[in-house]
Amino acid sequence: MNRAFALFFIFLPFGAFADCSPDFVDIKGDWGQARFQVEIADDAAERGQGLMHRETMPRFSGMLFVYPDPQELAFWMQNTLIPLDMIFMAPDGQVLKVHENAIPHDRTPIPSGPGVSLVLEINGGMAKSLGIAAGSVMRHPILNQSNALWPC
């Protein structure tokens, strides 16, 4: 994707994206809005594998980790070859914390803080470049739509 198209894509008005899709996560905040094509990791085996052993990941792609109950989580980067941003979210889709540029192969635990049931991993540096921070909100059909801050 060339840079001019990427900038146009990122800063569309809030209503500019199509309806929710299981293949995409939308995030918005006072910085604008972005859409990521995602793989879903919603069972123990998929969450355990995550993005390990991948040499690249396309821009505006990622993995959405889904947990059945809010909890405090810890991620690490063992066997992960690319730097990642980890976006920790509450069950209602609110971003609680962003960990930027997790270091490939690092075994140091990266804590989520309490109340997390969703984690979006994207290419390292993207959260900062877009402005994604605590207080941003996510939209995806996997959320309980009756309490989602940004329902489908």
N, C-alpha and C. Protein backbone atom coordinates (compact mmCIF):
# COMPACT_ATOMS: atom_id res chain seq x y z
N MET A 1 0.85 -1.17 0.00
CA MET A 1 0.00 0.00 0.00
C MET A 1 0.90 1.23 0.00
N ASN A 2 0.66 2.17 -0.91
CA ASN A 2 1.51 3.35 -0.91
C ASN A 2 1.08 4.32 0.19
N ARG A 3 1.99 5.18 0.59
CA ARG A 3 1.78 6.06 1.74
C ARG A 3 0.58 6.99 1.55
N ALA A 4 0.39 7.54 0.38
CA ALA A 4 -0.74 8.45 0.15
C ALA A 4 -2.06 7.73 0.38
N PHE A 5 -2.17 6.51 -0.11
CA PHE A 5 -3.40 5.74 0.10
C PHE A 5 -3.57 5.42 1.58
N ALA A 6 -2.48 5.04 2.26
CA ALA A 6 -2.56 4.68 3.68
C ALA A 6 -3.06 5.86 4.50
N LEU A 7 -2.57 7.05 4.24
CA LEU A 7 -3.02 8.22 5.00
C LEU A 7 -4.49 8.51 4.74
N PHE A 8 -4.93 8.37 3.50
CA PHE A 8 -6.33 8.57 3.17
C PHE A 8 -7.19 7.54 3.91
N PHE A 9 -6.72 6.30 3.92
CA PHE A 9 -7.46 5.20 4.54
C PHE A 9 -7.61 5.40 6.04
N ILE A 10 -6.56 5.85 6.69
CA ILE A 10 -6.54 5.97 8.14
C ILE A 10 -7.48 7.07 8.64
N PHE A 11 -7.53 8.18 7.97
CA PHE A 11 -8.21 9.33 8.52
C PHE A 11 -9.56 9.62 7.88
N LEU A 12 -10.27 8.57 7.53
CA LEU A 12 -11.63 8.73 7.04
C LEU A 12 -12.55 9.15 8.18
N PRO A 13 -13.65 9.82 7.89
CA PRO A 13 -14.60 10.17 8.95
C PRO A 13 -15.12 8.92 9.64
N PHE A 14 -15.62 9.08 10.89
CA PHE A 14 -16.03 7.95 11.72
C PHE A 14 -17.00 7.01 11.02
N GLY A 15 -17.93 7.48 10.24
CA GLY A 15 -18.93 6.61 9.62
C GLY A 15 -18.51 6.03 8.29
N ALA A 16 -17.25 6.21 7.91
CA ALA A 16 -16.84 5.88 6.56
C ALA A 16 -16.64 4.38 6.30
N PHE A 17 -16.46 3.57 7.34
CA PHE A 17 -16.22 2.15 7.11
C PHE A 17 -17.52 1.39 7.00
N ALA A 18 -17.46 0.28 6.32
CA ALA A 18 -18.62 -0.60 6.19
C ALA A 18 -18.98 -1.16 7.57
N ASP A 19 -20.09 -1.87 7.62
CA ASP A 19 -20.53 -2.49 8.86
C ASP A 19 -19.46 -3.43 9.40
N CYS A 20 -19.68 -3.85 10.64
CA CYS A 20 -18.77 -4.79 11.28
C CYS A 20 -18.62 -6.06 10.46
N SER A 21 -17.43 -6.60 10.53
CA SER A 21 -17.12 -7.86 9.84
C SER A 21 -16.23 -8.67 10.77
N PRO A 22 -16.41 -9.99 10.84
CA PRO A 22 -15.55 -10.80 11.69
C PRO A 22 -14.08 -10.76 11.27
N ASP A 23 -13.80 -10.33 10.05
CA ASP A 23 -12.43 -10.28 9.55
C ASP A 23 -11.72 -8.96 9.82
N PHE A 24 -12.43 -7.99 10.41
CA PHE A 24 -11.85 -6.66 10.61
C PHE A 24 -12.14 -6.13 12.00
N VAL A 25 -11.19 -5.37 12.53
CA VAL A 25 -11.35 -4.61 13.77
C VAL A 25 -11.27 -3.15 13.39
N ASP A 26 -12.24 -2.37 13.85
CA ASP A 26 -12.21 -0.92 13.69
C ASP A 26 -11.86 -0.31 15.04
N ILE A 27 -11.00 0.69 15.03
CA ILE A 27 -10.65 1.42 16.25
C ILE A 27 -10.79 2.90 15.94
N LYS A 28 -11.37 3.63 16.91
CA LYS A 28 -11.49 5.08 16.73
C LYS A 28 -11.18 5.80 18.03
N GLY A 29 -10.85 7.06 17.87
CA GLY A 29 -10.58 7.94 19.00
C GLY A 29 -10.56 9.36 18.49
N ASP A 30 -10.14 10.29 19.33
CA ASP A 30 -10.09 11.68 18.88
C ASP A 30 -9.02 11.90 17.81
N TRP A 31 -8.19 10.89 17.57
CA TRP A 31 -7.13 10.92 16.56
C TRP A 31 -7.66 10.55 15.17
N GLY A 32 -8.84 9.91 15.10
CA GLY A 32 -9.38 9.44 13.83
C GLY A 32 -9.86 8.01 13.95
N GLN A 33 -9.73 7.25 12.89
CA GLN A 33 -10.25 5.89 12.86
C GLN A 33 -9.35 5.03 11.97
N ALA A 34 -9.20 3.75 12.31
CA ALA A 34 -8.41 2.82 11.50
C ALA A 34 -9.10 1.47 11.47
N ARG A 35 -8.82 0.72 10.45
CA ARG A 35 -9.37 -0.63 10.28
C ARG A 35 -8.20 -1.59 10.05
N PHE A 36 -8.25 -2.74 10.76
CA PHE A 36 -7.23 -3.77 10.65
C PHE A 36 -7.89 -5.08 10.26
N GLN A 37 -7.33 -5.77 9.27
CA GLN A 37 -7.77 -7.12 8.96
C GLN A 37 -7.14 -8.04 10.00
N VAL A 38 -7.96 -8.88 10.63
CA VAL A 38 -7.47 -9.67 11.75
C VAL A 38 -7.74 -11.16 11.61
N GLU A 39 -6.87 -11.90 12.26
CA GLU A 39 -7.11 -13.30 12.56
C GLU A 39 -7.60 -13.33 14.00
N ILE A 40 -8.51 -14.24 14.31
CA ILE A 40 -9.05 -14.36 15.66
C ILE A 40 -8.37 -15.52 16.37
N ALA A 41 -7.89 -15.29 17.58
CA ALA A 41 -7.34 -16.33 18.45
C ALA A 41 -8.25 -16.40 19.67
N ASP A 42 -9.19 -17.36 19.65
CA ASP A 42 -10.18 -17.40 20.72
C ASP A 42 -10.22 -18.72 21.48
N ASP A 43 -9.19 -19.56 21.28
CA ASP A 43 -9.08 -20.74 22.14
C ASP A 43 -7.62 -20.84 22.61
N ALA A 44 -7.38 -21.69 23.59
CA ALA A 44 -6.06 -21.75 24.22
C ALA A 44 -4.95 -22.05 23.22
N ALA A 45 -5.17 -22.97 22.30
CA ALA A 45 -4.14 -23.32 21.32
C ALA A 45 -3.80 -22.14 20.41
N GLU A 46 -4.82 -21.45 19.90
CA GLU A 46 -4.59 -20.30 19.01
C GLU A 46 -3.92 -19.16 19.77
N ARG A 47 -4.37 -18.90 21.01
CA ARG A 47 -3.75 -17.83 21.81
C ARG A 47 -2.30 -18.18 22.13
N GLY A 48 -2.02 -19.47 22.39
CA GLY A 48 -0.66 -19.89 22.69
C GLY A 48 0.28 -19.73 21.51
N GLN A 49 -0.21 -19.97 20.32
CA GLN A 49 0.60 -19.83 19.11
C GLN A 49 0.77 -18.37 18.72
N GLY A 50 -0.31 -17.61 18.78
CA GLY A 50 -0.26 -16.19 18.45
C GLY A 50 0.42 -15.93 17.12
N LEU A 51 1.30 -14.95 17.11
CA LEU A 51 2.01 -14.55 15.89
C LEU A 51 3.46 -15.07 15.86
N MET A 52 3.72 -16.11 16.64
CA MET A 52 5.07 -16.67 16.66
C MET A 52 5.49 -17.19 15.28
N HIS A 53 6.78 -17.09 15.01
CA HIS A 53 7.44 -17.66 13.82
C HIS A 53 7.07 -16.96 12.51
N ARG A 54 6.38 -15.86 12.57
CA ARG A 54 6.04 -15.14 11.33
C ARG A 54 7.12 -14.09 11.06
N GLU A 55 7.56 -14.07 9.82
CA GLU A 55 8.63 -13.14 9.46
C GLU A 55 8.12 -11.76 9.10
N THR A 56 6.89 -11.67 8.66
CA THR A 56 6.30 -10.38 8.30
C THR A 56 4.81 -10.41 8.62
N MET A 57 4.22 -9.23 8.64
CA MET A 57 2.77 -9.10 8.75
C MET A 57 2.38 -7.86 7.94
N PRO A 58 1.41 -8.00 7.06
CA PRO A 58 1.02 -6.84 6.25
C PRO A 58 0.57 -5.66 7.13
N ARG A 59 0.83 -4.48 6.62
CA ARG A 59 0.37 -3.26 7.29
C ARG A 59 -1.16 -3.32 7.42
N PHE A 60 -1.71 -2.82 8.49
CA PHE A 60 -3.15 -2.84 8.77
C PHE A 60 -3.69 -4.25 8.88
N SER A 61 -2.85 -5.15 9.41
CA SER A 61 -3.26 -6.50 9.75
C SER A 61 -2.92 -6.74 11.21
N GLY A 62 -3.45 -7.81 11.77
CA GLY A 62 -3.14 -8.13 13.15
C GLY A 62 -3.83 -9.39 13.60
N MET A 63 -3.73 -9.63 14.91
CA MET A 63 -4.40 -10.76 15.54
C MET A 63 -5.16 -10.26 16.74
N LEU A 64 -6.42 -10.69 16.85
CA LEU A 64 -7.27 -10.33 17.98
C LEU A 64 -7.37 -11.54 18.90
N PHE A 65 -6.81 -11.41 20.10
CA PHE A 65 -6.89 -12.45 21.12
C PHE A 65 -8.15 -12.20 21.95
N VAL A 66 -8.96 -13.24 22.11
CA VAL A 66 -10.24 -13.12 22.81
C VAL A 66 -10.24 -14.08 23.99
N TYR A 67 -10.55 -13.55 25.17
CA TYR A 67 -10.61 -14.34 26.40
C TYR A 67 -12.05 -14.34 26.91
N PRO A 68 -12.51 -15.44 27.50
CA PRO A 68 -13.91 -15.53 27.91
C PRO A 68 -14.28 -14.62 29.07
N ASP A 69 -13.31 -14.29 29.93
CA ASP A 69 -13.59 -13.44 31.09
C ASP A 69 -12.52 -12.37 31.24
N PRO A 70 -12.89 -11.19 31.73
CA PRO A 70 -11.89 -10.16 31.99
C PRO A 70 -10.88 -10.64 33.03
N GLN A 71 -9.63 -10.34 32.78
CA GLN A 71 -8.57 -10.79 33.68
C GLN A 71 -7.31 -9.98 33.45
N GLU A 72 -6.32 -10.20 34.30
CA GLU A 72 -5.00 -9.62 34.07
C GLU A 72 -4.19 -10.65 33.30
N LEU A 73 -3.62 -10.24 32.19
CA LEU A 73 -2.87 -11.12 31.30
C LEU A 73 -1.41 -10.70 31.27
N ALA A 74 -0.57 -11.58 30.76
CA ALA A 74 0.83 -11.23 30.50
C ALA A 74 1.22 -11.92 29.19
N PHE A 75 1.78 -11.15 28.29
CA PHE A 75 2.26 -11.67 27.01
C PHE A 75 3.78 -11.60 27.01
N TRP A 76 4.40 -12.41 26.16
CA TRP A 76 5.84 -12.30 25.93
C TRP A 76 6.10 -12.54 24.46
N MET A 77 7.33 -12.33 24.05
CA MET A 77 7.67 -12.34 22.63
C MET A 77 8.58 -13.51 22.23
N GLN A 78 8.68 -14.53 23.06
CA GLN A 78 9.49 -15.69 22.70
C GLN A 78 9.00 -16.25 21.36
N ASN A 79 9.91 -16.52 20.47
CA ASN A 79 9.63 -17.06 19.13
C ASN A 79 8.82 -16.12 18.24
N THR A 80 8.70 -14.87 18.63
CA THR A 80 8.04 -13.86 17.79
C THR A 80 9.14 -13.07 17.10
N LEU A 81 9.06 -13.00 15.78
CA LEU A 81 10.16 -12.47 14.97
C LEU A 81 10.02 -11.00 14.61
N ILE A 82 8.83 -10.43 14.80
CA ILE A 82 8.59 -9.04 14.41
C ILE A 82 8.16 -8.23 15.63
N PRO A 83 8.54 -6.95 15.69
CA PRO A 83 8.07 -6.11 16.80
C PRO A 83 6.56 -5.90 16.70
N LEU A 84 5.90 -5.88 17.86
CA LEU A 84 4.45 -5.75 17.89
C LEU A 84 4.02 -4.68 18.88
N ASP A 85 2.91 -4.04 18.56
CA ASP A 85 2.18 -3.22 19.53
C ASP A 85 1.06 -4.10 20.06
N MET A 86 0.85 -4.06 21.38
CA MET A 86 -0.21 -4.82 22.03
C MET A 86 -1.22 -3.84 22.59
N ILE A 87 -2.45 -3.97 22.13
CA ILE A 87 -3.52 -3.07 22.54
C ILE A 87 -4.47 -3.87 23.42
N PHE A 88 -4.46 -3.56 24.72
CA PHE A 88 -5.24 -4.28 25.71
C PHE A 88 -6.59 -3.59 25.90
N MET A 89 -7.69 -4.38 25.83
CA MET A 89 -9.03 -3.80 25.86
C MET A 89 -9.96 -4.50 26.85
N ALA A 90 -10.91 -3.72 27.34
CA ALA A 90 -11.96 -4.20 28.22
C ALA A 90 -13.03 -4.92 27.40
N PRO A 91 -13.93 -5.66 28.05
CA PRO A 91 -14.98 -6.37 27.32
C PRO A 91 -15.91 -5.46 26.50
N ASP A 92 -15.99 -4.18 26.84
CA ASP A 92 -16.84 -3.25 26.09
C ASP A 92 -16.11 -2.62 24.90
N GLY A 93 -14.84 -3.01 24.68
CA GLY A 93 -14.07 -2.51 23.55
C GLY A 93 -13.22 -1.29 23.84
N GLN A 94 -13.22 -0.80 25.09
CA GLN A 94 -12.39 0.37 25.41
C GLN A 94 -10.93 -0.05 25.55
N VAL A 95 -10.04 0.72 24.92
CA VAL A 95 -8.60 0.48 25.05
C VAL A 95 -8.19 0.93 26.45
N LEU A 96 -7.59 -0.01 27.19
CA LEU A 96 -7.14 0.28 28.55
C LEU A 96 -5.66 0.62 28.59
N LYS A 97 -4.89 0.00 27.71
CA LYS A 97 -3.43 0.17 27.73
C LYS A 97 -2.87 -0.21 26.37
N VAL A 98 -1.80 0.46 25.98
CA VAL A 98 -1.06 0.10 24.76
C VAL A 98 0.39 -0.11 25.14
N HIS A 99 0.91 -1.27 24.77
CA HIS A 99 2.34 -1.53 24.92
C HIS A 99 2.94 -1.44 23.52
N GLU A 100 3.85 -0.50 23.33
CA GLU A 100 4.41 -0.25 22.01
C GLU A 100 5.72 -1.00 21.79
N ASN A 101 5.88 -1.47 20.57
CA ASN A 101 7.13 -2.06 20.09
C ASN A 101 7.71 -3.13 21.01
N ALA A 102 6.90 -4.15 21.29
CA ALA A 102 7.43 -5.30 22.03
C ALA A 102 8.59 -5.89 21.24
N ILE A 103 9.64 -6.25 21.94
CA ILE A 103 10.91 -6.64 21.32
C ILE A 103 10.88 -8.12 20.92
N PRO A 104 11.16 -8.42 19.65
CA PRO A 104 11.20 -9.82 19.21
C PRO A 104 12.11 -10.67 20.10
N HIS A 105 11.66 -11.89 20.38
CA HIS A 105 12.37 -12.92 21.16
C HIS A 105 12.48 -12.61 22.66
N ASP A 106 11.99 -11.47 23.12
CA ASP A 106 12.11 -11.10 24.54
C ASP A 106 11.16 -11.95 25.38
N ARG A 107 11.67 -12.52 26.44
CA ARG A 107 10.86 -13.37 27.32
C ARG A 107 10.33 -12.61 28.54
N THR A 108 10.55 -11.32 28.58
CA THR A 108 10.05 -10.51 29.69
C THR A 108 8.53 -10.41 29.58
N PRO A 109 7.80 -10.75 30.64
CA PRO A 109 6.33 -10.63 30.59
C PRO A 109 5.88 -9.18 30.40
N ILE A 110 4.88 -9.01 29.56
CA ILE A 110 4.27 -7.70 29.31
C ILE A 110 2.88 -7.74 29.93
N PRO A 111 2.69 -7.09 31.09
CA PRO A 111 1.41 -7.17 31.79
C PRO A 111 0.35 -6.28 31.15
N SER A 112 -0.88 -6.78 31.21
CA SER A 112 -2.00 -6.04 30.62
C SER A 112 -2.64 -5.05 31.58
N GLY A 113 -2.53 -5.32 32.88
CA GLY A 113 -3.35 -4.63 33.86
C GLY A 113 -4.66 -5.40 33.98
N PRO A 114 -5.48 -5.06 34.97
CA PRO A 114 -6.71 -5.83 35.21
C PRO A 114 -7.83 -5.53 34.21
N GLY A 115 -8.79 -6.46 34.15
CA GLY A 115 -10.01 -6.23 33.38
C GLY A 115 -9.92 -6.38 31.89
N VAL A 116 -8.92 -7.09 31.39
CA VAL A 116 -8.70 -7.22 29.95
C VAL A 116 -9.32 -8.52 29.44
N SER A 117 -10.07 -8.44 28.35
CA SER A 117 -10.59 -9.65 27.71
C SER A 117 -10.28 -9.71 26.22
N LEU A 118 -9.65 -8.65 25.69
CA LEU A 118 -9.30 -8.58 24.27
C LEU A 118 -7.92 -7.95 24.13
N VAL A 119 -7.12 -8.52 23.24
CA VAL A 119 -5.81 -7.95 22.95
C VAL A 119 -5.64 -7.95 21.44
N LEU A 120 -5.37 -6.79 20.89
CA LEU A 120 -5.08 -6.67 19.47
C LEU A 120 -3.59 -6.46 19.30
N GLU A 121 -2.95 -7.36 18.53
CA GLU A 121 -1.55 -7.20 18.20
C GLU A 121 -1.44 -6.72 16.76
N ILE A 122 -0.69 -5.62 16.59
CA ILE A 122 -0.46 -5.04 15.27
C ILE A 122 1.04 -4.79 15.12
N ASN A 123 1.47 -4.41 13.94
CA ASN A 123 2.89 -4.13 13.71
C ASN A 123 3.39 -3.06 14.66
N GLY A 124 4.60 -3.28 15.18
CA GLY A 124 5.22 -2.35 16.10
C GLY A 124 5.33 -0.94 15.53
N GLY A 125 4.96 0.03 16.32
CA GLY A 125 5.03 1.44 15.93
C GLY A 125 3.74 2.00 15.35
N MET A 126 2.81 1.13 14.96
CA MET A 126 1.58 1.62 14.33
C MET A 126 0.67 2.35 15.31
N ALA A 127 0.56 1.85 16.54
CA ALA A 127 -0.32 2.50 17.51
C ALA A 127 0.09 3.95 17.71
N LYS A 128 1.36 4.18 17.91
CA LYS A 128 1.85 5.55 18.11
C LYS A 128 1.65 6.39 16.86
N SER A 129 1.96 5.84 15.70
CA SER A 129 1.85 6.62 14.47
C SER A 129 0.40 7.00 14.18
N LEU A 130 -0.55 6.15 14.58
CA LEU A 130 -1.97 6.45 14.36
C LEU A 130 -2.57 7.28 15.50
N GLY A 131 -2.02 7.16 16.69
CA GLY A 131 -2.58 7.85 17.85
C GLY A 131 -3.41 6.95 18.74
N ILE A 132 -3.41 5.64 18.51
CA ILE A 132 -4.19 4.72 19.34
C ILE A 132 -3.63 4.73 20.75
N ALA A 133 -4.50 5.00 21.72
CA ALA A 133 -4.09 5.12 23.12
C ALA A 133 -5.25 4.73 24.01
N ALA A 134 -4.98 4.66 25.31
CA ALA A 134 -6.04 4.40 26.28
C ALA A 134 -7.18 5.39 26.03
N GLY A 135 -8.41 4.87 26.06
CA GLY A 135 -9.59 5.68 25.79
C GLY A 135 -10.14 5.50 24.38
N SER A 136 -9.32 5.04 23.44
CA SER A 136 -9.84 4.70 22.11
C SER A 136 -10.81 3.54 22.27
N VAL A 137 -11.66 3.31 21.28
CA VAL A 137 -12.62 2.21 21.35
C VAL A 137 -12.56 1.35 20.10
N MET A 138 -12.89 0.07 20.29
CA MET A 138 -12.86 -0.91 19.21
C MET A 138 -14.27 -1.36 18.88
N ARG A 139 -14.46 -1.72 17.62
CA ARG A 139 -15.73 -2.29 17.16
C ARG A 139 -15.42 -3.62 16.46
N HIS A 140 -16.19 -4.66 16.86
CA HIS A 140 -16.05 -5.98 16.23
C HIS A 140 -17.27 -6.80 16.66
N PRO A 141 -17.77 -7.69 15.79
CA PRO A 141 -18.96 -8.47 16.14
C PRO A 141 -18.76 -9.43 17.30
N ILE A 142 -17.52 -9.72 17.70
CA ILE A 142 -17.30 -10.64 18.81
C ILE A 142 -17.66 -10.01 20.15
N LEU A 143 -17.74 -8.67 20.19
CA LEU A 143 -18.14 -7.98 21.42
C LEU A 143 -19.62 -8.24 21.71
N ASN A 144 -19.96 -8.26 23.00
CA ASN A 144 -21.36 -8.28 23.39
C ASN A 144 -21.93 -6.92 22.99
N GLN A 145 -22.76 -6.90 21.97
CA GLN A 145 -23.23 -5.65 21.38
C GLN A 145 -24.11 -4.84 22.33
N SER A 146 -24.69 -5.48 23.32
CA SER A 146 -25.55 -4.75 24.25
C SER A 146 -24.76 -3.87 25.21
N ASN A 147 -23.45 -4.15 25.41
CA ASN A 147 -22.66 -3.26 26.27
C ASN A 147 -21.43 -2.70 25.57
N ALA A 148 -21.30 -2.90 24.27
CA ALA A 148 -20.16 -2.36 23.51
C ALA A 148 -20.24 -0.84 23.46
N LEU A 149 -19.12 -0.18 23.69
CA LEU A 149 -19.08 1.28 23.60
C LEU A 149 -19.30 1.75 22.18
N TRP A 150 -18.90 0.94 21.21
CA TRP A 150 -19.10 1.25 19.79
C TRP A 150 -19.71 0.00 19.15
N PRO A 151 -21.02 -0.16 19.24
CA PRO A 151 -21.65 -1.38 18.72
C PRO A 151 -21.68 -1.41 17.19
N CYS A 152 -21.86 -2.60 16.67
CA CYS A 152 -21.97 -2.82 15.23
C CYS A 152 -23.32 -2.30 14.73
